Amino acid sequence: MHFRAGAQYKIDSHFAARLGLAYGITPVQNGYVTPETPDANRVNYTAGIGYETKHLKLDASFLFTHLKRTDTNTETNLSGTFKTNVIAPGISIGYKF
């Protein structure tokens, strides 16, 4: 399952600010985490800003995802704490003729 929420605030006729939050529940059950599949519940934070005129559209975005899970594999008895942080910036440029 995954839960998402987002909002956009129109600052003026050209600028908009955006925020988002998402929470995803891992499909990997306890006891089956391995270094090849170190999946965990994840929290995603997003932010962005947009600028738009009659012909030009510019968007900048930022995503931060955090995963952390401690588990012991039932088959191999391998224990570990798996941590992942993802940082993904983005830029979009569009032009209408």
PDB file of N, CA and C in Angstrom:
ATOM      1  N   MET A   1       0.835  -1.173   0.000  1.00  0.00           N
ATOM      2  CA  MET A   1       0.000   0.000   0.000  1.00  0.00           C
ATOM      3  C   MET A   1       0.878   1.234   0.000  1.00  0.00           C
ATOM      4  N   HIS A   2       0.336   2.276  -0.553  1.00  0.00           N
ATOM      5  CA  HIS A   2       1.059   3.535  -0.634  1.00  0.00           C
ATOM      6  C   HIS A   2       0.070   4.671  -0.407  1.00  0.00           C
ATOM      7  N   PHE A   3       0.433   5.617   0.422  1.00  0.00           N
ATOM      8  CA  PHE A   3      -0.416   6.761   0.719  1.00  0.00           C
ATOM      9  C   PHE A   3       0.299   8.026   0.269  1.00  0.00           C
ATOM     10  N   ARG A   4      -0.417   8.898  -0.440  1.00  0.00           N
ATOM     11  CA  ARG A   4       0.194  10.116  -0.960  1.00  0.00           C
ATOM     12  C   ARG A   4      -0.697  11.316  -0.714  1.00  0.00           C
ATOM     13  N   ALA A   5      -0.058  12.462  -0.487  1.00  0.00           N
ATOM     14  CA  ALA A   5      -0.779  13.725  -0.349  1.00  0.00           C
ATOM     15  C   ALA A   5       0.094  14.824  -0.940  1.00  0.00           C
ATOM     16  N   GLY A   6      -0.536  15.776  -1.574  1.00  0.00           N
ATOM     17  CA  GLY A   6       0.198  16.879  -2.164  1.00  0.00           C
ATOM     18  C   GLY A   6      -0.649  18.123  -2.211  1.00  0.00           C
ATOM     19  N   ALA A   7       0.018  19.252  -2.312  1.00  0.00           N
ATOM     20  CA  ALA A   7      -0.692  20.521  -2.375  1.00  0.00           C
ATOM     21  C   ALA A   7       0.076  21.488  -3.260  1.00  0.00           C
ATOM     22  N   GLN A   8      -0.664  22.360  -3.909  1.00  0.00           N
ATOM     23  CA  GLN A   8      -0.073  23.421  -4.708  1.00  0.00           C
ATOM     24  C   GLN A   8      -0.667  24.741  -4.257  1.00  0.00           C
ATOM     25  N   TYR A   9       0.190  25.736  -4.102  1.00  0.00           N
ATOM     26  CA  TYR A   9      -0.246  27.077  -3.728  1.00  0.00           C
ATOM     27  C   TYR A   9       0.155  28.029  -4.838  1.00  0.00           C
ATOM     28  N   LYS A  10      -0.807  28.702  -5.414  1.00  0.00           N
ATOM     29  CA  LYS A  10      -0.560  29.666  -6.483  1.00  0.00           C
ATOM     30  C   LYS A  10      -0.140  30.982  -5.830  1.00  0.00           C
ATOM     31  N   ILE A  11       1.134  31.330  -5.946  1.00  0.00           N
ATOM     32  CA  ILE A  11       1.680  32.530  -5.317  1.00  0.00           C
ATOM     33  C   ILE A  11       1.150  33.782  -6.015  1.00  0.00           C
ATOM     34  N   ASP A  12       1.223  33.791  -7.330  1.00  0.00           N
ATOM     35  CA  ASP A  12       0.635  34.857  -8.142  1.00  0.00           C
ATOM     36  C   ASP A  12       0.309  34.265  -9.506  1.00  0.00           C
ATOM     37  N   SER A  13       0.091  35.091 -10.505  1.00  0.00           N
ATOM     38  CA  SER A  13      -0.321  34.572 -11.820  1.00  0.00           C
ATOM     39  C   SER A  13       0.783  33.793 -12.533  1.00  0.00           C
ATOM     40  N   HIS A  14       2.024  33.895 -12.056  1.00  0.00           N
ATOM     41  CA  HIS A  14       3.139  33.202 -12.722  1.00  0.00           C
ATOM     42  C   HIS A  14       3.774  32.098 -11.872  1.00  0.00           C
ATOM     43  N   PHE A  15       3.762  32.243 -10.560  1.00  0.00           N
ATOM     44  CA  PHE A  15       4.484  31.313  -9.695  1.00  0.00           C
ATOM     45  C   PHE A  15       3.544  30.414  -8.897  1.00  0.00           C
ATOM     46  N   ALA A  16       3.986  29.146  -8.721  1.00  0.00           N
ATOM     47  CA  ALA A  16       3.266  28.189  -7.887  1.00  0.00           C
ATOM     48  C   ALA A  16       4.279  27.404  -7.061  1.00  0.00           C
ATOM     49  N   ALA A  17       3.932  27.117  -5.821  1.00  0.00           N
ATOM     50  CA  ALA A  17       4.781  26.306  -4.941  1.00  0.00           C
ATOM     51  C   ALA A  17       4.057  24.997  -4.649  1.00  0.00           C
ATOM     52  N   ARG A  18       4.818  23.911  -4.554  1.00  0.00           N
ATOM     53  CA  ARG A  18       4.231  22.586  -4.355  1.00  0.00           C
ATOM     54  C   ARG A  18       4.953  21.841  -3.239  1.00  0.00           C
ATOM     55  N   LEU A  19       4.179  21.072  -2.456  1.00  0.00           N
ATOM     56  CA  LEU A  19       4.726  20.192  -1.424  1.00  0.00           C
ATOM     57  C   LEU A  19       4.006  18.855  -1.484  1.00  0.00           C
ATOM     58  N   GLY A  20       4.722  17.795  -1.159  1.00  0.00           N
ATOM     59  CA  GLY A  20       4.099  16.481  -1.145  1.00  0.00           C
ATOM     60  C   GLY A  20       4.728  15.580  -0.104  1.00  0.00           C
ATOM     61  N   LEU A  21       3.972  14.582   0.282  1.00  0.00           N
ATOM     62  CA  LEU A  21       4.431  13.589   1.254  1.00  0.00           C
ATOM     63  C   LEU A  21       3.818  12.252   0.861  1.00  0.00           C
ATOM     64  N   ALA A  22       4.619  11.212   0.912  1.00  0.00           N
ATOM     65  CA  ALA A  22       4.126   9.870   0.581  1.00  0.00           C
ATOM     66  C   ALA A  22       4.716   8.866   1.559  1.00  0.00           C
ATOM     67  N   TYR A  23       3.945   7.828   1.836  1.00  0.00           N
ATOM     68  CA  TYR A  23       4.396   6.748   2.705  1.00  0.00           C
ATOM     69  C   TYR A  23       4.054   5.434   2.018  1.00  0.00           C
ATOM     70  N   GLY A  24       5.069   4.605   1.820  1.00  0.00           N
ATOM     71  CA  GLY A  24       4.864   3.315   1.173  1.00  0.00           C
ATOM     72  C   GLY A  24       5.226   2.171   2.099  1.00  0.00           C
ATOM     73  N   ILE A  25       4.349   1.181   2.160  1.00  0.00           N
ATOM     74  CA  ILE A  25       4.581  -0.002   2.987  1.00  0.00           C
ATOM     75  C   ILE A  25       5.262  -1.063   2.136  1.00  0.00           C
ATOM     76  N   THR A  26       6.356  -1.608   2.626  1.00  0.00           N
ATOM     77  CA  THR A  26       7.125  -2.590   1.870  1.00  0.00           C
ATOM     78  C   THR A  26       6.332  -3.878   1.648  1.00  0.00           C
ATOM     79  N   PRO A  27       6.496  -4.501   0.471  1.00  0.00           N
ATOM     80  CA  PRO A  27       5.879  -5.805   0.255  1.00  0.00           C
ATOM     81  C   PRO A  27       6.738  -6.958   0.779  1.00  0.00           C
ATOM     82  N   VAL A  28       7.998  -6.680   1.178  1.00  0.00           N
ATOM     83  CA  VAL A  28       8.907  -7.719   1.660  1.00  0.00           C
ATOM     84  C   VAL A  28       8.605  -7.991   3.135  1.00  0.00           C
ATOM     85  N   GLN A  29       8.210  -9.217   3.432  1.00  0.00           N
ATOM     86  CA  GLN A  29       7.836  -9.589   4.794  1.00  0.00           C
ATOM     87  C   GLN A  29       9.063  -9.714   5.694  1.00  0.00           C
ATOM     88  N   ASN A  30       8.841  -9.601   7.003  1.00  0.00           N
ATOM     89  CA  ASN A  30       9.927  -9.807   7.966  1.00  0.00           C
ATOM     90  C   ASN A  30      10.512 -11.201   7.785  1.00  0.00           C
ATOM     91  N   GLY A  31      11.838 -11.275   7.873  1.00  0.00           N
ATOM     92  CA  GLY A  31      12.529 -12.552   7.725  1.00  0.00           C
ATOM     93  C   GLY A  31      12.978 -12.840   6.307  1.00  0.00           C
ATOM     94  N   TYR A  32      12.657 -11.981   5.349  1.00  0.00           N
ATOM     95  CA  TYR A  32      13.017 -12.235   3.949  1.00  0.00           C
ATOM     96  C   TYR A  32      13.830 -11.111   3.325  1.00  0.00           C
ATOM     97  N   VAL A  33      14.327 -10.203   4.143  1.00  0.00           N
ATOM     98  CA  VAL A  33      15.174  -9.129   3.638  1.00  0.00           C
ATOM     99  C   VAL A  33      16.570  -9.685   3.382  1.00  0.00           C
ATOM    100  N   THR A  34      17.137  -9.367   2.239  1.00  0.00           N
ATOM    101  CA  THR A  34      18.508  -9.755   1.890  1.00  0.00           C
ATOM    102  C   THR A  34      19.223  -8.525   1.334  1.00  0.00           C
ATOM    103  N   PRO A  35      20.542  -8.586   1.210  1.00  0.00           N
ATOM    104  CA  PRO A  35      21.251  -7.457   0.595  1.00  0.00           C
ATOM    105  C   PRO A  35      20.782  -7.181  -0.846  1.00  0.00           C
ATOM    106  N   GLU A  36      20.265  -8.212  -1.515  1.00  0.00           N
ATOM    107  CA  GLU A  36      19.767  -8.018  -2.885  1.00  0.00           C
ATOM    108  C   GLU A  36      18.395  -7.346  -2.901  1.00  0.00           C
ATOM    109  N   THR A  37      17.607  -7.521  -1.839  1.00  0.00           N
ATOM    110  CA  THR A  37      16.281  -6.905  -1.738  1.00  0.00           C
ATOM    111  C   THR A  37      16.131  -6.218  -0.379  1.00  0.00           C
ATOM    112  N   PRO A  38      16.883  -5.140  -0.147  1.00  0.00           N
ATOM    113  CA  PRO A  38      16.818  -4.473   1.156  1.00  0.00           C
ATOM    114  C   PRO A  38      15.649  -3.493   1.233  1.00  0.00           C
ATOM    115  N   ASP A  39      14.481  -3.947   0.885  1.00  0.00           N
ATOM    116  CA  ASP A  39      13.334  -3.057   0.854  1.00  0.00           C
ATOM    117  C   ASP A  39      12.853  -2.745   2.269  1.00  0.00           C
ATOM    118  N   ALA A  40      12.243  -1.588   2.424  1.00  0.00           N
ATOM    119  CA  ALA A  40      11.726  -1.143   3.717  1.00  0.00           C
ATOM    120  C   ALA A  40      10.565  -0.187   3.467  1.00  0.00           C
ATOM    121  N   ASN A  41       9.823   0.089   4.515  1.00  0.00           N
ATOM    122  CA  ASN A  41       8.824   1.146   4.405  1.00  0.00           C
ATOM    123  C   ASN A  41       9.555   2.429   4.019  1.00  0.00           C
ATOM    124  N   ARG A  42       8.939   3.198   3.167  1.00  0.00           N
ATOM    125  CA  ARG A  42       9.628   4.402   2.710  1.00  0.00           C
ATOM    126  C   ARG A  42       8.783   5.645   2.917  1.00  0.00           C
ATOM    127  N   VAL A  43       9.477   6.730   3.224  1.00  0.00           N
ATOM    128  CA  VAL A  43       8.850   8.036   3.362  1.00  0.00           C
ATOM    129  C   VAL A  43       9.456   8.941   2.293  1.00  0.00           C
ATOM    130  N   ASN A  44       8.599   9.539   1.476  1.00  0.00           N
ATOM    131  CA  ASN A  44       9.036  10.439   0.410  1.00  0.00           C
ATOM    132  C   ASN A  44       8.587  11.859   0.727  1.00  0.00           C
ATOM    133  N   TYR A  45       9.517  12.791   0.627  1.00  0.00           N
ATOM    134  CA  TYR A  45       9.215  14.211   0.796  1.00  0.00           C
ATOM    135  C   TYR A  45       9.495  14.893  -0.543  1.00  0.00           C
ATOM    136  N   THR A  46       8.566  15.707  -1.015  1.00  0.00           N
ATOM    137  CA  THR A  46       8.764  16.390  -2.285  1.00  0.00           C
ATOM    138  C   THR A  46       8.466  17.879  -2.129  1.00  0.00           C
ATOM    139  N   ALA A  47       9.142  18.678  -2.943  1.00  0.00           N
ATOM    140  CA  ALA A  47       8.910  20.115  -2.984  1.00  0.00           C
ATOM    141  C   ALA A  47       9.187  20.590  -4.400  1.00  0.00           C
ATOM    142  N   GLY A  48       8.536  21.653  -4.773  1.00  0.00           N
ATOM    143  CA  GLY A  48       8.773  22.174  -6.113  1.00  0.00           C
ATOM    144  C   GLY A  48       8.260  23.589  -6.251  1.00  0.00           C
ATOM    145  N   ILE A  49       8.709  24.203  -7.316  1.00  0.00           N
ATOM    146  CA  ILE A  49       8.251  25.548  -7.653  1.00  0.00           C
ATOM    147  C   ILE A  49       8.088  25.605  -9.164  1.00  0.00           C
ATOM    148  N   GLY A  50       7.092  26.329  -9.603  1.00  0.00           N
ATOM    149  CA  GLY A  50       6.836  26.457 -11.033  1.00  0.00           C
ATOM    150  C   GLY A  50       6.659  27.908 -11.433  1.00  0.00           C
ATOM    151  N   TYR A  51       7.052  28.196 -12.655  1.00  0.00           N
ATOM    152  CA  TYR A  51       6.902  29.524 -13.239  1.00  0.00           C
ATOM    153  C   TYR A  51       6.291  29.338 -14.621  1.00  0.00           C
ATOM    154  N   GLU A  52       5.242  30.112 -14.919  1.00  0.00           N
ATOM    155  CA  GLU A  52       4.557  29.927 -16.195  1.00  0.00           C
ATOM    156  C   GLU A  52       4.113  31.266 -16.777  1.00  0.00           C
ATOM    157  N   THR A  53       4.380  31.430 -18.078  1.00  0.00           N
ATOM    158  CA  THR A  53       3.873  32.565 -18.833  1.00  0.00           C
ATOM    159  C   THR A  53       3.008  32.007 -19.965  1.00  0.00           C
ATOM    160  N   LYS A  54       2.623  32.861 -20.892  1.00  0.00           N
ATOM    161  CA  LYS A  54       1.780  32.409 -22.007  1.00  0.00           C
ATOM    162  C   LYS A  54       2.475  31.320 -22.824  1.00  0.00           C
ATOM    163  N   HIS A  55       3.786  31.420 -22.995  1.00  0.00           N
ATOM    164  CA  HIS A  55       4.514  30.465 -23.839  1.00  0.00           C
ATOM    165  C   HIS A  55       5.516  29.588 -23.079  1.00  0.00           C
ATOM    166  N   LEU A  56       6.036  30.058 -21.963  1.00  0.00           N
ATOM    167  CA  LEU A  56       7.136  29.372 -21.274  1.00  0.00           C
ATOM    168  C   LEU A  56       6.648  28.762 -19.960  1.00  0.00           C
ATOM    169  N   LYS A  57       7.128  27.547 -19.680  1.00  0.00           N
ATOM    170  CA  LYS A  57       6.817  26.893 -18.411  1.00  0.00           C
ATOM    171  C   LYS A  57       8.105  26.290 -17.851  1.00  0.00           C
ATOM    172  N   LEU A  58       8.464  26.696 -16.620  1.00  0.00           N
ATOM    173  CA  LEU A  58       9.654  26.195 -15.935  1.00  0.00           C
ATOM    174  C   LEU A  58       9.221  25.558 -14.624  1.00  0.00           C
ATOM    175  N   ASP A  59       9.742  24.384 -14.336  1.00  0.00           N
ATOM    176  CA  ASP A  59       9.449  23.701 -13.077  1.00  0.00           C
ATOM    177  C   ASP A  59      10.739  23.159 -12.484  1.00  0.00           C
ATOM    178  N   ALA A  60      10.883  23.298 -11.188  1.00  0.00           N
ATOM    179  CA  ALA A  60      12.004  22.712 -10.448  1.00  0.00           C
ATOM    180  C   ALA A  60      11.418  21.870  -9.325  1.00  0.00           C
ATOM    181  N   SER A  61      11.993  20.695  -9.126  1.00  0.00           N
ATOM    182  CA  SER A  61      11.463  19.791  -8.110  1.00  0.00           C
ATOM    183  C   SER A  61      12.592  19.156  -7.316  1.00  0.00           C
ATOM    184  N   PHE A  62      12.223  18.631  -6.154  1.00  0.00           N
ATOM    185  CA  PHE A  62      13.186  17.971  -5.288  1.00  0.00           C
ATOM    186  C   PHE A  62      12.473  16.830  -4.572  1.00  0.00           C
ATOM    187  N   LEU A  63      13.098  15.661  -4.574  1.00  0.00           N
ATOM    188  CA  LEU A  63      12.559  14.483  -3.892  1.00  0.00           C
ATOM    189  C   LEU A  63      13.616  13.957  -2.931  1.00  0.00           C
ATOM    190  N   PHE A  64      13.184  13.666  -1.702  1.00  0.00           N
ATOM    191  CA  PHE A  64      14.035  13.000  -0.730  1.00  0.00           C
ATOM    192  C   PHE A  64      13.284  11.784  -0.216  1.00  0.00           C
ATOM    193  N   THR A  65      13.904  10.613  -0.319  1.00  0.00           N
ATOM    194  CA  THR A  65      13.310   9.368   0.153  1.00  0.00           C
ATOM    195  C   THR A  65      14.234   8.752   1.199  1.00  0.00           C
ATOM    196  N   HIS A  66      13.640   8.273   2.273  1.00  0.00           N
ATOM    197  CA  HIS A  66      14.411   7.642   3.351  1.00  0.00           C
ATOM    198  C   HIS A  66      13.870   6.229   3.604  1.00  0.00           C
ATOM    199  N   LEU A  67      14.793   5.251   3.650  1.00  0.00           N
ATOM    200  CA  LEU A  67      14.453   3.872   3.988  1.00  0.00           C
ATOM    201  C   LEU A  67      15.415   3.391   5.057  1.00  0.00           C
ATOM    202  N   LYS A  68      14.911   2.670   6.047  1.00  0.00           N
ATOM    203  CA  LYS A  68      15.765   2.047   7.056  1.00  0.00           C
ATOM    204  C   LYS A  68      15.040   0.826   7.595  1.00  0.00           C
ATOM    205  N   ARG A  69      15.779  -0.282   7.660  1.00  0.00           N
ATOM    206  CA  ARG A  69      15.172  -1.523   8.149  1.00  0.00           C
ATOM    207  C   ARG A  69      16.246  -2.412   8.764  1.00  0.00           C
ATOM    208  N   THR A  70      15.944  -2.967   9.920  1.00  0.00           N
ATOM    209  CA  THR A  70      16.797  -3.955  10.569  1.00  0.00           C
ATOM    210  C   THR A  70      16.025  -5.263  10.589  1.00  0.00           C
ATOM    211  N   ASP A  71      16.670  -6.343  10.129  1.00  0.00           N
ATOM    212  CA  ASP A  71      15.972  -7.619  10.031  1.00  0.00           C
ATOM    213  C   ASP A  71      16.991  -8.757   9.995  1.00  0.00           C
ATOM    214  N   THR A  72      16.518  -9.965  10.239  1.00  0.00           N
ATOM    215  CA  THR A  72      17.313 -11.184  10.126  1.00  0.00           C
ATOM    216  C   THR A  72      16.614 -12.108   9.152  1.00  0.00           C
ATOM    217  N   ASN A  73      17.356 -12.562   8.140  1.00  0.00           N
ATOM    218  CA  ASN A  73      16.800 -13.463   7.145  1.00  0.00           C
ATOM    219  C   ASN A  73      16.603 -14.840   7.762  1.00  0.00           C
ATOM    220  N   THR A  74      15.411 -15.428   7.594  1.00  0.00           N
ATOM    221  CA  THR A  74      15.101 -16.716   8.211  1.00  0.00           C
ATOM    222  C   THR A  74      15.844 -17.873   7.558  1.00  0.00           C
ATOM    223  N   GLU A  75      16.213 -17.749   6.291  1.00  0.00           N
ATOM    224  CA  GLU A  75      16.890 -18.850   5.590  1.00  0.00           C
ATOM    225  C   GLU A  75      18.394 -18.854   5.817  1.00  0.00           C
ATOM    226  N   THR A  76      18.998 -17.648   5.820  1.00  0.00           N
ATOM    227  CA  THR A  76      20.458 -17.568   5.932  1.00  0.00           C
ATOM    228  C   THR A  76      20.935 -17.120   7.316  1.00  0.00           C
ATOM    229  N   ASN A  77      20.001 -16.643   8.154  1.00  0.00           N
ATOM    230  CA  ASN A  77      20.317 -16.109   9.471  1.00  0.00           C
ATOM    231  C   ASN A  77      21.207 -14.873   9.383  1.00  0.00           C
ATOM    232  N   LEU A  78      21.236 -14.229   8.235  1.00  0.00           N
ATOM    233  CA  LEU A  78      22.011 -13.006   8.037  1.00  0.00           C
ATOM    234  C   LEU A  78      21.230 -11.832   8.616  1.00  0.00           C
ATOM    235  N   SER A  79      21.863 -11.108   9.528  1.00  0.00           N
ATOM    236  CA  SER A  79      21.245  -9.936  10.151  1.00  0.00           C
ATOM    237  C   SER A  79      21.904  -8.681   9.628  1.00  0.00           C
ATOM    238  N   GLY A  80      21.118  -7.617   9.561  1.00  0.00           N
ATOM    239  CA  GLY A  80      21.695  -6.355   9.131  1.00  0.00           C
ATOM    240  C   GLY A  80      20.706  -5.221   9.232  1.00  0.00           C
ATOM    241  N   THR A  81      21.265  -4.036   9.196  1.00  0.00           N
ATOM    242  CA  THR A  81      20.470  -2.820   9.104  1.00  0.00           C
ATOM    243  C   THR A  81      20.744  -2.219   7.738  1.00  0.00           C
ATOM    244  N   PHE A  82      19.697  -2.026   6.978  1.00  0.00           N
ATOM    245  CA  PHE A  82      19.810  -1.505   5.632  1.00  0.00           C
ATOM    246  C   PHE A  82      19.276  -0.083   5.621  1.00  0.00           C
ATOM    247  N   LYS A  83      20.097   0.855   5.166  1.00  0.00           N
ATOM    248  CA  LYS A  83      19.714   2.261   5.111  1.00  0.00           C
ATOM    249  C   LYS A  83      19.906   2.770   3.690  1.00  0.00           C
ATOM    250  N   THR A  84      18.954   3.537   3.238  1.00  0.00           N
ATOM    251  CA  THR A  84      19.043   4.154   1.916  1.00  0.00           C
ATOM    252  C   THR A  84      18.440   5.549   1.995  1.00  0.00           C
ATOM    253  N   ASN A  85      19.138   6.516   1.431  1.00  0.00           N
ATOM    254  CA  ASN A  85      18.615   7.860   1.248  1.00  0.00           C
ATOM    255  C   ASN A  85      18.715   8.198  -0.230  1.00  0.00           C
ATOM    256  N   VAL A  86      17.654   8.695  -0.789  1.00  0.00           N
ATOM    257  CA  VAL A  86      17.618   9.061  -2.198  1.00  0.00           C
ATOM    258  C   VAL A  86      17.368  10.562  -2.290  1.00  0.00           C
ATOM    259  N   ILE A  87      18.191  11.252  -3.075  1.00  0.00           N
ATOM    260  CA  ILE A  87      18.010  12.667  -3.349  1.00  0.00           C
ATOM    261  C   ILE A  87      17.905  12.809  -4.862  1.00  0.00           C
ATOM    262  N   ALA A  88      16.775  13.350  -5.320  1.00  0.00           N
ATOM    263  CA  ALA A  88      16.541  13.450  -6.765  1.00  0.00           C
ATOM    264  C   ALA A  88      15.994  14.830  -7.123  1.00  0.00           C
ATOM    265  N   PRO A  89      16.866  15.728  -7.588  1.00  0.00           N
ATOM    266  CA  PRO A  89      16.384  17.017  -8.062  1.00  0.00           C
ATOM    267  C   PRO A  89      15.921  16.901  -9.518  1.00  0.00           C
ATOM    268  N   GLY A  90      15.059  17.811  -9.925  1.00  0.00           N
ATOM    269  CA  GLY A  90      14.583  17.784 -11.310  1.00  0.00           C
ATOM    270  C   GLY A  90      14.286  19.167 -11.833  1.00  0.00           C
ATOM    271  N   ILE A  91      14.438  19.323 -13.144  1.00  0.00           N
ATOM    272  CA  ILE A  91      14.120  20.578 -13.828  1.00  0.00           C
ATOM    273  C   ILE A  91      13.371  20.242 -15.107  1.00  0.00           C
ATOM    274  N   SER A  92      12.325  21.004 -15.369  1.00  0.00           N
ATOM    275  CA  SER A  92      11.544  20.824 -16.590  1.00  0.00           C
ATOM    276  C   SER A  92      11.377  22.186 -17.269  1.00  0.00           C
ATOM    277  N   ILE A  93      11.591  22.216 -18.576  1.00  0.00           N
ATOM    278  CA  ILE A  93      11.415  23.436 -19.362  1.00  0.00           C
ATOM    279  C   ILE A  93      10.475  23.111 -20.513  1.00  0.00           C
ATOM    280  N   GLY A  94       9.424  23.905 -20.653  1.00  0.00           N
ATOM    281  CA  GLY A  94       8.477  23.697 -21.750  1.00  0.00           C
ATOM    282  C   GLY A  94       8.185  24.996 -22.460  1.00  0.00           C
ATOM    283  N   TYR A  95       7.906  24.897 -23.760  1.00  0.00           N
ATOM    284  CA  TYR A  95       7.577  26.071 -24.557  1.00  0.00           C
ATOM    285  C   TYR A  95       6.374  25.758 -25.435  1.00  0.00           C
ATOM    286  N   LYS A  96       5.362  26.618 -25.398  1.00  0.00           N
ATOM    287  CA  LYS A  96       4.163  26.469 -26.212  1.00  0.00           C
ATOM    288  C   LYS A  96       4.264  27.410 -27.413  1.00  0.00           C
ATOM    289  N   PHE A  97       4.045  26.882 -28.593  1.00  0.00           N
ATOM    290  CA  PHE A  97       4.073  27.712 -29.801  1.00  0.00           C
ATOM    291  C   PHE A  97       2.743  28.343 -30.070  1.00  0.00           C
TER     292      PHE A  97
END
